[in-house]
Each structure stands twice: as C-alpha cells, then as structure tokens.
C-alpha cells in the first residue's frame, strides 16, 4: 500500500526535484509505495490520487492490469486537462 506522500519534489531525488509528470509512484526499491507530487496544487484531485494508487497496488506502469484495477476503484482512463493525459489506448508506458 501507500508508504507515504511527498509534495514538491521526489522522495528519492529530494525537494524541488522537477519531474515531467504531475505525480508519480515508486513501484520498487527503498521508496516503493511512495507517491510524489510535483507541487501541492493537484494533491486533492481524486483522479490523480486513484491513478497513482493503482500504480502502487498493482506495482505496474500503464499496463492492462493497471488499467483494469484503476477502473475497478473508480478511476478514469480519460484525459483530465492539466492533470492526466488520455490512457484509453492499450500501450505499456
């Protein structure tokens, strides 16, 4: 499950680390289960929370298993402007 939340940077790379996505989840290693948010601006967005939670639970990237789990917990694969791109296409990235 979720080990922790890191805001305004990355648990692995430190405060202020600017990664390209709005958020990301660590799936392995010392920081497995951590979810990092680039800023605090979108932490409250349920779509993003569920997206990252699905990564932590499935321990997978944007795979078919991840998509199925995300939908089962009420998440969306559709784009959310300014937060998430469209994940309806079946591609593993």
PDB file of N, CA and C in Angstrom:
ATOM      1  N   UNK A   1       0.828  -1.192   0.000  1.00  0.00           N
ATOM      2  CA  UNK A   1       0.000   0.000   0.000  1.00  0.00           C
ATOM      3  C   UNK A   1       0.871   1.255   0.000  1.00  0.00           C
ATOM      4  N   UNK A   2       0.240   2.380   0.156  1.00  0.00           N
ATOM      5  CA  UNK A   2       0.959   3.649   0.108  1.00  0.00           C
ATOM      6  C   UNK A   2       1.849   3.792   1.337  1.00  0.00           C
ATOM      7  N   UNK A   3       3.122   4.020   1.093  1.00  0.00           N
ATOM      8  CA  UNK A   3       4.088   4.192   2.179  1.00  0.00           C
ATOM      9  C   UNK A   3       4.135   5.637   2.646  1.00  0.00           C
ATOM     10  N   UNK A   4       3.865   6.575   1.740  1.00  0.00           N
ATOM     11  CA  UNK A   4       3.895   7.989   2.085  1.00  0.00           C
ATOM     12  C   UNK A   4       3.645   8.860   0.871  1.00  0.00           C
ATOM     13  N   UNK A   5       3.470  10.137   1.142  1.00  0.00           N
ATOM     14  CA  UNK A   5       3.238  11.138   0.104  1.00  0.00           C
ATOM     15  C   UNK A   5       4.338  12.185   0.219  1.00  0.00           C
ATOM     16  N   UNK A   6       4.953  12.539  -0.898  1.00  0.00           N
ATOM     17  CA  UNK A   6       5.990  13.565  -0.928  1.00  0.00           C
ATOM     18  C   UNK A   6       5.496  14.663  -1.853  1.00  0.00           C
ATOM     19  N   UNK A   7       5.465  15.890  -1.370  1.00  0.00           N
ATOM     20  CA  UNK A   7       4.941  17.015  -2.149  1.00  0.00           C
ATOM     21  C   UNK A   7       6.060  18.002  -2.455  1.00  0.00           C
ATOM     22  N   UNK A   8       6.051  18.531  -3.676  1.00  0.00           N
ATOM     23  CA  UNK A   8       7.035  19.496  -4.171  1.00  0.00           C
ATOM     24  C   UNK A   8       8.415  18.878  -4.342  1.00  0.00           C
ATOM     25  N   UNK A   9       8.417  17.759  -5.018  1.00  0.00           N
ATOM     26  CA  UNK A   9       9.669  17.077  -5.303  1.00  0.00           C
ATOM     27  C   UNK A   9       9.480  15.583  -5.325  1.00  0.00           C
ATOM     28  N   UNK A  10      10.560  14.870  -5.040  1.00  0.00           N
ATOM     29  CA  UNK A  10      10.539  13.414  -5.103  1.00  0.00           C
ATOM     30  C   UNK A  10      11.242  12.839  -3.874  1.00  0.00           C
ATOM     31  N   UNK A  11      10.667  11.824  -3.281  1.00  0.00           N
ATOM     32  CA  UNK A  11      11.253  11.181  -2.111  1.00  0.00           C
ATOM     33  C   UNK A  11      12.663  10.675  -2.410  1.00  0.00           C
ATOM     34  N   UNK A  12      12.893  10.275  -3.625  1.00  0.00           N
ATOM     35  CA  UNK A  12      14.197   9.737  -3.995  1.00  0.00           C
ATOM     36  C   UNK A  12      15.198  10.829  -4.400  1.00  0.00           C
ATOM     37  N   UNK A  13      14.705  11.835  -5.111  1.00  0.00           N
ATOM     38  CA  UNK A  13      15.594  12.871  -5.644  1.00  0.00           C
ATOM     39  C   UNK A  13      15.589  14.175  -4.854  1.00  0.00           C
ATOM     40  N   UNK A  14      14.716  14.301  -3.889  1.00  0.00           N
ATOM     41  CA  UNK A  14      14.732  15.443  -2.987  1.00  0.00           C
ATOM     42  C   UNK A  14      13.737  16.549  -3.288  1.00  0.00           C
ATOM     43  N   UNK A  15      13.617  17.481  -2.344  1.00  0.00           N
ATOM     44  CA  UNK A  15      12.712  18.619  -2.504  1.00  0.00           C
ATOM     45  C   UNK A  15      13.083  19.446  -3.730  1.00  0.00           C
ATOM     46  N   UNK A  16      12.073  19.902  -4.438  1.00  0.00           N
ATOM     47  CA  UNK A  16      12.303  20.748  -5.596  1.00  0.00           C
ATOM     48  C   UNK A  16      12.652  20.015  -6.869  1.00  0.00           C
ATOM     49  N   UNK A  17      12.816  18.687  -6.792  1.00  0.00           N
ATOM     50  CA  UNK A  17      13.131  17.929  -8.000  1.00  0.00           C
ATOM     51  C   UNK A  17      11.959  18.051  -8.968  1.00  0.00           C
ATOM     52  N   UNK A  18      12.221  18.492 -10.187  1.00  0.00           N
ATOM     53  CA  UNK A  18      11.173  18.729 -11.177  1.00  0.00           C
ATOM     54  C   UNK A  18      11.105  17.576 -12.162  1.00  0.00           C
ATOM     55  N   UNK A  19      10.158  16.690 -11.958  1.00  0.00           N
ATOM     56  CA  UNK A  19       9.941  15.597 -12.904  1.00  0.00           C
ATOM     57  C   UNK A  19       8.839  16.011 -13.871  1.00  0.00           C
ATOM     58  N   UNK A  20       8.754  15.383 -15.042  1.00  0.00           N
ATOM     59  CA  UNK A  20       7.831  15.850 -16.076  1.00  0.00           C
ATOM     60  C   UNK A  20       6.346  15.631 -15.783  1.00  0.00           C
ATOM     61  N   UNK A  21       5.983  14.620 -15.048  1.00  0.00           N
ATOM     62  CA  UNK A  21       4.569  14.326 -14.790  1.00  0.00           C
ATOM     63  C   UNK A  21       4.053  15.159 -13.617  1.00  0.00           C
ATOM     64  N   UNK A  22       2.749  15.173 -13.434  1.00  0.00           N
ATOM     65  CA  UNK A  22       2.137  15.852 -12.296  1.00  0.00           C
ATOM     66  C   UNK A  22       2.444  15.098 -11.008  1.00  0.00           C
ATOM     67  N   UNK A  23       2.503  13.775 -11.111  1.00  0.00           N
ATOM     68  CA  UNK A  23       2.821  12.921  -9.966  1.00  0.00           C
ATOM     69  C   UNK A  23       3.404  11.614 -10.484  1.00  0.00           C
ATOM     70  N   UNK A  24       4.031  10.871  -9.596  1.00  0.00           N
ATOM     71  CA  UNK A  24       4.496   9.532  -9.953  1.00  0.00           C
ATOM     72  C   UNK A  24       4.541   8.672  -8.698  1.00  0.00           C
ATOM     73  N   UNK A  25       4.532   7.371  -8.905  1.00  0.00           N
ATOM     74  CA  UNK A  25       4.592   6.420  -7.796  1.00  0.00           C
ATOM     75  C   UNK A  25       5.863   5.590  -7.918  1.00  0.00           C
ATOM     76  N   UNK A  26       6.461   5.289  -6.787  1.00  0.00           N
ATOM     77  CA  UNK A  26       7.635   4.414  -6.763  1.00  0.00           C
ATOM     78  C   UNK A  26       7.144   2.978  -6.574  1.00  0.00           C
ATOM     79  N   UNK A  27       7.513   2.111  -7.487  1.00  0.00           N
ATOM     80  CA  UNK A  27       6.990   0.750  -7.500  1.00  0.00           C
ATOM     81  C   UNK A  27       7.953  -0.287  -6.943  1.00  0.00           C
ATOM     82  N   UNK A  28       9.202   0.094  -6.735  1.00  0.00           N
ATOM     83  CA  UNK A  28      10.181  -0.865  -6.227  1.00  0.00           C
ATOM     84  C   UNK A  28      11.276  -0.119  -5.469  1.00  0.00           C
ATOM     85  N   UNK A  29      12.132  -0.879  -4.849  1.00  0.00           N
ATOM     86  CA  UNK A  29      13.266  -0.294  -4.154  1.00  0.00           C
ATOM     87  C   UNK A  29      12.911   0.250  -2.782  1.00  0.00           C
ATOM     88  N   UNK A  30      13.826   1.008  -2.241  1.00  0.00           N
ATOM     89  CA  UNK A  30      13.698   1.561  -0.890  1.00  0.00           C
ATOM     90  C   UNK A  30      12.450   2.426  -0.733  1.00  0.00           C
ATOM     91  N   UNK A  31      12.062   3.125  -1.781  1.00  0.00           N
ATOM     92  CA  UNK A  31      10.922   4.043  -1.704  1.00  0.00           C
ATOM     93  C   UNK A  31       9.638   3.468  -2.308  1.00  0.00           C
ATOM     94  N   UNK A  32       9.574   2.159  -2.462  1.00  0.00           N
ATOM     95  CA  UNK A  32       8.365   1.527  -3.002  1.00  0.00           C
ATOM     96  C   UNK A  32       7.151   1.936  -2.178  1.00  0.00           C
ATOM     97  N   UNK A  33       6.097   2.303  -2.876  1.00  0.00           N
ATOM     98  CA  UNK A  33       4.859   2.697  -2.220  1.00  0.00           C
ATOM     99  C   UNK A  33       4.710   4.195  -2.005  1.00  0.00           C
ATOM    100  N   UNK A  34       5.757   4.953  -2.236  1.00  0.00           N
ATOM    101  CA  UNK A  34       5.676   6.405  -2.104  1.00  0.00           C
ATOM    102  C   UNK A  34       5.055   7.006  -3.354  1.00  0.00           C
ATOM    103  N   UNK A  35       4.237   8.039  -3.165  1.00  0.00           N
ATOM    104  CA  UNK A  35       3.666   8.815  -4.262  1.00  0.00           C
ATOM    105  C   UNK A  35       4.213  10.226  -4.133  1.00  0.00           C
ATOM    106  N   UNK A  36       4.788  10.724  -5.227  1.00  0.00           N
ATOM    107  CA  UNK A  36       5.384  12.059  -5.236  1.00  0.00           C
ATOM    108  C   UNK A  36       4.568  12.980  -6.142  1.00  0.00           C
ATOM    109  N   UNK A  37       4.319  14.188  -5.655  1.00  0.00           N
ATOM    110  CA  UNK A  37       3.607  15.216  -6.413  1.00  0.00           C
ATOM    111  C   UNK A  37       4.581  16.342  -6.731  1.00  0.00           C
ATOM    112  N   UNK A  38       4.584  16.771  -7.968  1.00  0.00           N
ATOM    113  CA  UNK A  38       5.480  17.854  -8.382  1.00  0.00           C
ATOM    114  C   UNK A  38       5.208  19.131  -7.588  1.00  0.00           C
ATOM    115  N   UNK A  39       3.925  19.380  -7.287  1.00  0.00           N
ATOM    116  CA  UNK A  39       3.552  20.527  -6.464  1.00  0.00           C
ATOM    117  C   UNK A  39       2.340  20.136  -5.631  1.00  0.00           C
ATOM    118  N   UNK A  40       1.955  20.984  -4.730  1.00  0.00           N
ATOM    119  CA  UNK A  40       0.778  20.707  -3.911  1.00  0.00           C
ATOM    120  C   UNK A  40      -0.520  21.085  -4.591  1.00  0.00           C
ATOM    121  N   UNK A  41      -0.426  21.666  -5.763  1.00  0.00           N
ATOM    122  CA  UNK A  41      -1.602  22.187  -6.465  1.00  0.00           C
ATOM    123  C   UNK A  41      -2.644  21.122  -6.815  1.00  0.00           C
ATOM    124  N   UNK A  42      -2.212  19.902  -7.119  1.00  0.00           N
ATOM    125  CA  UNK A  42      -3.158  18.878  -7.576  1.00  0.00           C
ATOM    126  C   UNK A  42      -3.315  17.706  -6.606  1.00  0.00           C
ATOM    127  N   UNK A  43      -2.751  17.813  -5.430  1.00  0.00           N
ATOM    128  CA  UNK A  43      -2.815  16.709  -4.462  1.00  0.00           C
ATOM    129  C   UNK A  43      -4.249  16.313  -4.149  1.00  0.00           C
ATOM    130  N   UNK A  44      -5.149  17.254  -4.120  1.00  0.00           N
ATOM    131  CA  UNK A  44      -6.545  16.985  -3.768  1.00  0.00           C
ATOM    132  C   UNK A  44      -7.354  16.348  -4.904  1.00  0.00           C
ATOM    133  N   UNK A  45      -6.797  16.247  -6.095  1.00  0.00           N
ATOM    134  CA  UNK A  45      -7.553  15.717  -7.236  1.00  0.00           C
ATOM    135  C   UNK A  45      -7.699  14.200  -7.133  1.00  0.00           C
ATOM    136  N   UNK A  46      -8.910  13.758  -6.978  1.00  0.00           N
ATOM    137  CA  UNK A  46      -9.205  12.332  -6.799  1.00  0.00           C
ATOM    138  C   UNK A  46      -8.734  11.523  -8.005  1.00  0.00           C
ATOM    139  N   UNK A  47      -8.893  12.062  -9.213  1.00  0.00           N
ATOM    140  CA  UNK A  47      -8.475  11.334 -10.405  1.00  0.00           C
ATOM    141  C   UNK A  47      -6.984  10.988 -10.337  1.00  0.00           C
ATOM    142  N   UNK A  48      -6.197  11.931  -9.882  1.00  0.00           N
ATOM    143  CA  UNK A  48      -4.755  11.731  -9.784  1.00  0.00           C
ATOM    144  C   UNK A  48      -4.412  10.795  -8.627  1.00  0.00           C
ATOM    145  N   UNK A  49      -5.105  10.933  -7.518  1.00  0.00           N
ATOM    146  CA  UNK A  49      -4.878  10.047  -6.376  1.00  0.00           C
ATOM    147  C   UNK A  49      -5.140   8.598  -6.760  1.00  0.00           C
ATOM    148  N   UNK A  50      -6.267   8.342  -7.430  1.00  0.00           N
ATOM    149  CA  UNK A  50      -6.607   6.978  -7.831  1.00  0.00           C
ATOM    150  C   UNK A  50      -5.625   6.449  -8.871  1.00  0.00           C
ATOM    151  N   UNK A  51      -5.200   7.311  -9.788  1.00  0.00           N
ATOM    152  CA  UNK A  51      -4.231   6.927 -10.815  1.00  0.00           C
ATOM    153  C   UNK A  51      -2.945   6.408 -10.166  1.00  0.00           C
ATOM    154  N   UNK A  52      -2.421   7.170  -9.221  1.00  0.00           N
ATOM    155  CA  UNK A  52      -1.169   6.774  -8.565  1.00  0.00           C
ATOM    156  C   UNK A  52      -1.375   5.595  -7.617  1.00  0.00           C
ATOM    157  N   UNK A  53      -2.498   5.552  -6.933  1.00  0.00           N
ATOM    158  CA  UNK A  53      -2.799   4.417  -6.055  1.00  0.00           C
ATOM    159  C   UNK A  53      -2.836   3.118  -6.855  1.00  0.00           C
ATOM    160  N   UNK A  54      -3.409   3.164  -8.044  1.00  0.00           N
ATOM    161  CA  UNK A  54      -3.456   1.970  -8.893  1.00  0.00           C
ATOM    162  C   UNK A  54      -2.045   1.481  -9.234  1.00  0.00           C
ATOM    163  N   UNK A  55      -1.109   2.413  -9.426  1.00  0.00           N
ATOM    164  CA  UNK A  55       0.277   2.008  -9.661  1.00  0.00           C
ATOM    165  C   UNK A  55       0.845   1.302  -8.438  1.00  0.00           C
ATOM    166  N   UNK A  56       0.629   1.875  -7.266  1.00  0.00           N
ATOM    167  CA  UNK A  56       1.181   1.304  -6.028  1.00  0.00           C
ATOM    168  C   UNK A  56       0.599  -0.085  -5.758  1.00  0.00           C
ATOM    169  N   UNK A  57      -0.687  -0.241  -5.934  1.00  0.00           N
ATOM    170  CA  UNK A  57      -1.333  -1.529  -5.655  1.00  0.00           C
ATOM    171  C   UNK A  57      -0.928  -2.599  -6.656  1.00  0.00           C
ATOM    172  N   UNK A  58      -0.890  -2.248  -7.944  1.00  0.00           N
ATOM    173  CA  UNK A  58      -0.567  -3.254  -8.966  1.00  0.00           C
ATOM    174  C   UNK A  58       0.933  -3.421  -9.166  1.00  0.00           C
ATOM    175  N   UNK A  59       1.705  -2.456  -8.700  1.00  0.00           N
ATOM    176  CA  UNK A  59       3.162  -2.452  -8.918  1.00  0.00           C
ATOM    177  C   UNK A  59       3.501  -2.495 -10.402  1.00  0.00           C
ATOM    178  N   UNK A  60       2.679  -1.817 -11.198  1.00  0.00           N
ATOM    179  CA  UNK A  60       2.870  -1.800 -12.650  1.00  0.00           C
ATOM    180  C   UNK A  60       2.728  -0.397 -13.202  1.00  0.00           C
ATOM    181  N   UNK A  61       3.294  -0.210 -14.384  1.00  0.00           N
ATOM    182  CA  UNK A  61       3.131   1.036 -15.118  1.00  0.00           C
ATOM    183  C   UNK A  61       1.746   1.078 -15.740  1.00  0.00           C
ATOM    184  N   UNK A  62       1.626   1.694 -16.886  1.00  0.00           N
ATOM    185  CA  UNK A  62       0.330   1.850 -17.550  1.00  0.00           C
ATOM    186  C   UNK A  62      -0.002   0.598 -18.368  1.00  0.00           C
ATOM    187  N   UNK A  63      -0.130  -0.508 -17.691  1.00  0.00           N
ATOM    188  CA  UNK A  63      -0.407  -1.807 -18.311  1.00  0.00           C
ATOM    189  C   UNK A  63      -1.912  -2.101 -18.316  1.00  0.00           C
ATOM    190  N   UNK A  64      -2.262  -3.187 -18.954  1.00  0.00           N
ATOM    191  CA  UNK A  64      -3.663  -3.618 -18.958  1.00  0.00           C
ATOM    192  C   UNK A  64      -4.143  -3.907 -17.525  1.00  0.00           C
ATOM    193  N   UNK A  65      -3.318  -4.564 -16.731  1.00  0.00           N
ATOM    194  CA  UNK A  65      -3.675  -4.858 -15.336  1.00  0.00           C
ATOM    195  C   UNK A  65      -3.906  -3.566 -14.569  1.00  0.00           C
ATOM    196  N   UNK A  66      -3.013  -2.595 -14.752  1.00  0.00           N
ATOM    197  CA  UNK A  66      -3.159  -1.300 -14.094  1.00  0.00           C
ATOM    198  C   UNK A  66      -4.460  -0.624 -14.517  1.00  0.00           C
ATOM    199  N   UNK A  67      -4.755  -0.635 -15.825  1.00  0.00           N
ATOM    200  CA  UNK A  67      -5.990  -0.021 -16.332  1.00  0.00           C
ATOM    201  C   UNK A  67      -7.233  -0.662 -15.714  1.00  0.00           C
ATOM    202  N   UNK A  68      -7.238  -1.974 -15.680  1.00  0.00           N
ATOM    203  CA  UNK A  68      -8.392  -2.681 -15.116  1.00  0.00           C
ATOM    204  C   UNK A  68      -8.577  -2.355 -13.637  1.00  0.00           C
ATOM    205  N   UNK A  69      -7.477  -2.325 -12.892  1.00  0.00           N
ATOM    206  CA  UNK A  69      -7.579  -2.005 -11.472  1.00  0.00           C
ATOM    207  C   UNK A  69      -8.029  -0.554 -11.276  1.00  0.00           C
ATOM    208  N   UNK A  70      -7.457   0.367 -12.034  1.00  0.00           N
ATOM    209  CA  UNK A  70      -7.842   1.770 -11.922  1.00  0.00           C
ATOM    210  C   UNK A  70      -9.345   1.940 -12.135  1.00  0.00           C
ATOM    211  N   UNK A  71      -9.869   1.316 -13.155  1.00  0.00           N
ATOM    212  CA  UNK A  71     -11.306   1.416 -13.413  1.00  0.00           C
ATOM    213  C   UNK A  71     -12.120   0.763 -12.294  1.00  0.00           C
ATOM    214  N   UNK A  72     -11.616  -0.327 -11.726  1.00  0.00           N
ATOM    215  CA  UNK A  72     -12.364  -1.029 -10.668  1.00  0.00           C
ATOM    216  C   UNK A  72     -12.481  -0.213  -9.385  1.00  0.00           C
ATOM    217  N   UNK A  73     -11.555   0.738  -9.170  1.00  0.00           N
ATOM    218  CA  UNK A  73     -11.625   1.561  -7.960  1.00  0.00           C
ATOM    219  C   UNK A  73     -12.250   2.941  -8.238  1.00  0.00           C
ATOM    220  N   UNK A  74     -12.789   3.111  -9.441  1.00  0.00           N
ATOM    221  CA  UNK A  74     -13.491   4.350  -9.765  1.00  0.00           C
ATOM    222  C   UNK A  74     -12.654   5.395 -10.470  1.00  0.00           C
ATOM    223  N   UNK A  75     -11.462   5.028 -10.920  1.00  0.00           N
ATOM    224  CA  UNK A  75     -10.610   5.961 -11.645  1.00  0.00           C
ATOM    225  C   UNK A  75     -11.027   6.095 -13.101  1.00  0.00           C
ATOM    226  N   UNK A  76     -10.330   6.942 -13.804  1.00  0.00           N
ATOM    227  CA  UNK A  76     -10.636   7.177 -15.210  1.00  0.00           C
ATOM    228  C   UNK A  76      -9.391   7.009 -16.073  1.00  0.00           C
ATOM    229  N   UNK A  77      -9.609   6.575 -17.296  1.00  0.00           N
ATOM    230  CA  UNK A  77      -8.537   6.482 -18.285  1.00  0.00           C
ATOM    231  C   UNK A  77      -8.573   7.685 -19.228  1.00  0.00           C
ATOM    232  N   UNK A  78      -9.620   8.485 -19.102  1.00  0.00           N
ATOM    233  CA  UNK A  78      -9.784   9.656 -19.960  1.00  0.00           C
ATOM    234  C   UNK A  78      -8.903  10.798 -19.468  1.00  0.00           C
ATOM    235  N   UNK A  79      -8.541  11.661 -20.390  1.00  0.00           N
ATOM    236  CA  UNK A  79      -7.714  12.810 -20.044  1.00  0.00           C
ATOM    237  C   UNK A  79      -8.436  13.730 -19.065  1.00  0.00           C
ATOM    238  N   UNK A  80      -7.670  14.276 -18.145  1.00  0.00           N
ATOM    239  CA  UNK A  80      -8.146  15.312 -17.233  1.00  0.00           C
ATOM    240  C   UNK A  80      -7.238  16.513 -17.511  1.00  0.00           C
ATOM    241  N   UNK A  81      -7.761  17.546 -18.166  1.00  0.00           N
ATOM    242  CA  UNK A  81      -6.926  18.669 -18.593  1.00  0.00           C
ATOM    243  C   UNK A  81      -6.043  19.221 -17.466  1.00  0.00           C
ATOM    244  N   UNK A  82      -4.757  19.357 -17.786  1.00  0.00           N
ATOM    245  CA  UNK A  82      -3.800  19.898 -16.844  1.00  0.00           C
ATOM    246  C   UNK A  82      -3.332  18.933 -15.779  1.00  0.00           C
ATOM    247  N   UNK A  83      -3.888  17.705 -15.785  1.00  0.00           N
ATOM    248  CA  UNK A  83      -3.530  16.750 -14.735  1.00  0.00           C
ATOM    249  C   UNK A  83      -3.088  15.408 -15.311  1.00  0.00           C
ATOM    250  N   UNK A  84      -3.921  14.805 -16.139  1.00  0.00           N
ATOM    251  CA  UNK A  84      -3.636  13.478 -16.688  1.00  0.00           C
ATOM    252  C   UNK A  84      -3.871  13.460 -18.189  1.00  0.00           C
ATOM    253  N   UNK A  85      -3.034  12.732 -18.894  1.00  0.00           N
ATOM    254  CA  UNK A  85      -3.263  12.537 -20.322  1.00  0.00           C
ATOM    255  C   UNK A  85      -4.248  11.373 -20.502  1.00  0.00           C
ATOM    256  N   UNK A  86      -4.606  11.101 -21.714  1.00  0.00           N
ATOM    257  CA  UNK A  86      -5.510  10.008 -22.027  1.00  0.00           C
ATOM    258  C   UNK A  86      -4.773   8.674 -21.930  1.00  0.00           C
ATOM    259  N   UNK A  87      -5.345   7.734 -21.194  1.00  0.00           N
ATOM    260  CA  UNK A  87      -4.756   6.401 -21.034  1.00  0.00           C
ATOM    261  C   UNK A  87      -5.661   5.310 -21.602  1.00  0.00           C
ATOM    262  N   UNK A  88      -6.588   5.685 -22.482  1.00  0.00           N
ATOM    263  CA  UNK A  88      -7.508   4.698 -23.038  1.00  0.00           C
ATOM    264  C   UNK A  88      -6.838   3.768 -24.044  1.00  0.00           C
ATOM    265  N   UNK A  89      -5.738   4.197 -24.643  1.00  0.00           N
ATOM    266  CA  UNK A  89      -5.023   3.337 -25.580  1.00  0.00           C
ATOM    267  C   UNK A  89      -4.235   2.284 -24.811  1.00  0.00           C
ATOM    268  N   UNK A  90      -4.259   1.072 -25.278  1.00  0.00           N
ATOM    269  CA  UNK A  90      -3.586  -0.039 -24.614  1.00  0.00           C
ATOM    270  C   UNK A  90      -2.117  -0.064 -25.009  1.00  0.00           C
ATOM    271  N   UNK A  91      -1.303   0.679 -24.286  1.00  0.00           N
ATOM    272  CA  UNK A  91       0.129   0.685 -24.531  1.00  0.00           C
ATOM    273  C   UNK A  91       0.825   0.718 -23.166  1.00  0.00           C
ATOM    274  N   UNK A  92       1.891   0.033 -23.055  1.00  0.00           N
ATOM    275  CA  UNK A  92       2.607  -0.104 -21.783  1.00  0.00           C
ATOM    276  C   UNK A  92       3.716   0.931 -21.659  1.00  0.00           C
ATOM    277  N   UNK A  93       3.362   2.089 -21.130  1.00  0.00           N
ATOM    278  CA  UNK A  93       4.376   3.129 -20.890  1.00  0.00           C
ATOM    279  C   UNK A  93       4.136   3.795 -19.551  1.00  0.00           C
TER     280      UNK A  93
END
